[in-house]
């Protein structure tokens, strides 16, 4: 497995936290507060086995709370990207950091 200096980005998808692999198109389920990411096992589904740190927003609990009451398909949050860097707002309820 290859270690990446680029972290996996934690996003909320259908009410679940997932990590986006920094080196391929895979995503893996995350436990809240998980600090390490492993992109599956190398194989036919394209997982490249990358390991790296996980970059969480500064307020994941607030983000999850802001989603309560929404239909599960609307419980999504993704940080805004600017030249590859995630810009994470402190207030998830503003909505300015939710990707279209």
Protein backbone atom coordinates (compact mmCIF):
# COMPACT_ATOMS: atom_id res chain seq x y z
CA UNK A 1 0.00 0.00 0.00
CA UNK A 2 1.16 3.50 -0.80
CA UNK A 3 1.11 6.31 1.76
CA UNK A 4 -0.23 9.62 0.45
CA UNK A 5 0.71 12.99 1.92
CA UNK A 6 -2.61 14.31 0.60
CA UNK A 7 -5.41 13.54 3.07
CA UNK A 8 -8.74 11.90 2.34
CA UNK A 9 -11.52 14.47 2.67
CA UNK A 10 -14.45 13.60 4.97
CA UNK A 11 -17.86 14.36 3.42
CA UNK A 12 -21.40 13.57 4.51
CA UNK A 13 -23.29 11.45 1.98
CA UNK A 14 -26.84 10.24 2.62
CA UNK A 15 -26.27 10.82 6.34
CA UNK A 16 -23.03 8.80 6.46
CA UNK A 17 -19.49 10.14 6.72
CA UNK A 18 -17.29 8.90 3.90
CA UNK A 19 -13.68 9.61 2.99
CA UNK A 20 -12.77 10.52 -0.57
CA UNK A 21 -9.54 8.86 -1.69
CA UNK A 22 -6.96 11.45 -2.77
CA UNK A 23 -5.51 9.25 -5.53
CA UNK A 24 -8.49 7.61 -7.24
CA UNK A 25 -12.28 7.85 -7.50
CA UNK A 26 -13.07 5.61 -4.52
CA UNK A 27 -14.79 6.52 -1.29
CA UNK A 28 -14.92 4.52 1.94
CA UNK A 29 -17.19 4.71 5.00
CA UNK A 30 -15.68 6.54 7.97
CA UNK A 31 -16.42 6.31 11.66
CA UNK A 32 -16.83 9.76 13.27
CA UNK A 33 -13.39 10.93 14.36
CA UNK A 34 -11.51 8.29 12.34
CA UNK A 35 -8.00 9.59 11.67
CA UNK A 36 -6.68 7.11 9.10
CA UNK A 37 -8.03 6.11 5.69
CA UNK A 38 -7.28 2.99 3.66
CA UNK A 39 -8.53 2.81 0.08
CA UNK A 40 -9.64 -0.79 0.05
CA UNK A 41 -7.48 -3.51 -1.38
CA UNK A 42 -5.87 -3.27 -4.80
CA UNK A 43 -8.00 -5.23 -7.20
CA UNK A 44 -10.53 -5.26 -10.02
CA UNK A 45 -12.67 -2.43 -8.61
CA UNK A 46 -9.90 0.15 -8.89
CA UNK A 47 -9.13 0.64 -5.20
CA UNK A 48 -5.43 1.40 -5.14
CA UNK A 49 -4.68 0.63 -1.49
CA UNK A 50 -3.66 4.19 -0.63
CA UNK A 51 -3.39 5.02 3.06
CA UNK A 52 -3.45 8.56 4.42
CA UNK A 53 -4.77 10.85 7.14
CA UNK A 54 -8.39 12.02 7.10
CA UNK A 55 -9.19 15.75 6.95
CA UNK A 56 -12.39 16.40 8.88
CA UNK A 57 -14.30 19.66 9.00
CA UNK A 58 -13.79 21.52 12.29
CA UNK A 59 -17.47 20.96 13.19
CA UNK A 60 -18.68 17.52 12.03
CA UNK A 61 -21.18 17.20 14.90
CA UNK A 62 -22.78 20.55 14.00
CA UNK A 63 -22.97 19.53 10.34
CA UNK A 64 -24.68 16.24 11.22
CA UNK A 65 -27.11 18.03 13.57
CA UNK A 66 -28.01 20.51 10.82
CA UNK A 67 -29.13 17.56 8.67
CA UNK A 68 -31.60 16.12 11.19
CA UNK A 69 -35.11 16.17 9.81
CA UNK A 70 -34.02 16.24 6.17
CA UNK A 71 -34.82 13.26 3.94
CA UNK A 72 -31.85 10.87 3.93
CA UNK A 73 -31.13 11.68 0.26
CA UNK A 74 -30.66 15.33 1.26
CA UNK A 75 -28.31 14.68 4.18
CA UNK A 76 -25.18 15.62 2.24
CA UNK A 77 -22.31 18.01 2.93
CA UNK A 78 -19.17 18.60 0.90
CA UNK A 79 -16.55 21.29 1.55
CA UNK A 80 -15.91 23.93 -1.09
CA UNK A 81 -12.72 23.38 -3.03
CA UNK A 82 -10.40 26.18 -4.07
CA UNK A 83 -7.34 25.13 -6.08
CA UNK A 84 -7.46 21.72 -4.42
CA UNK A 85 -7.67 22.95 -0.84
CA UNK A 86 -10.82 22.38 1.18
CA UNK A 87 -12.20 25.56 2.69
CA UNK A 88 -14.35 24.55 5.62
CA UNK A 89 -16.79 26.92 7.24
CA UNK A 90 -17.45 26.81 10.96
CA UNK A 91 -21.22 27.18 10.55
CA UNK A 92 -22.78 24.34 8.54
CA UNK A 93 -26.21 25.94 8.66
CA UNK A 94 -25.19 28.81 6.37
CA UNK A 95 -25.01 26.41 3.42
CA UNK A 96 -22.26 28.36 1.65
CA UNK A 97 -20.00 25.33 1.80
CA UNK A 98 -22.45 22.83 0.29
CA UNK A 99 -21.57 21.84 -3.24
CA UNK A 100 -24.37 22.12 -5.78
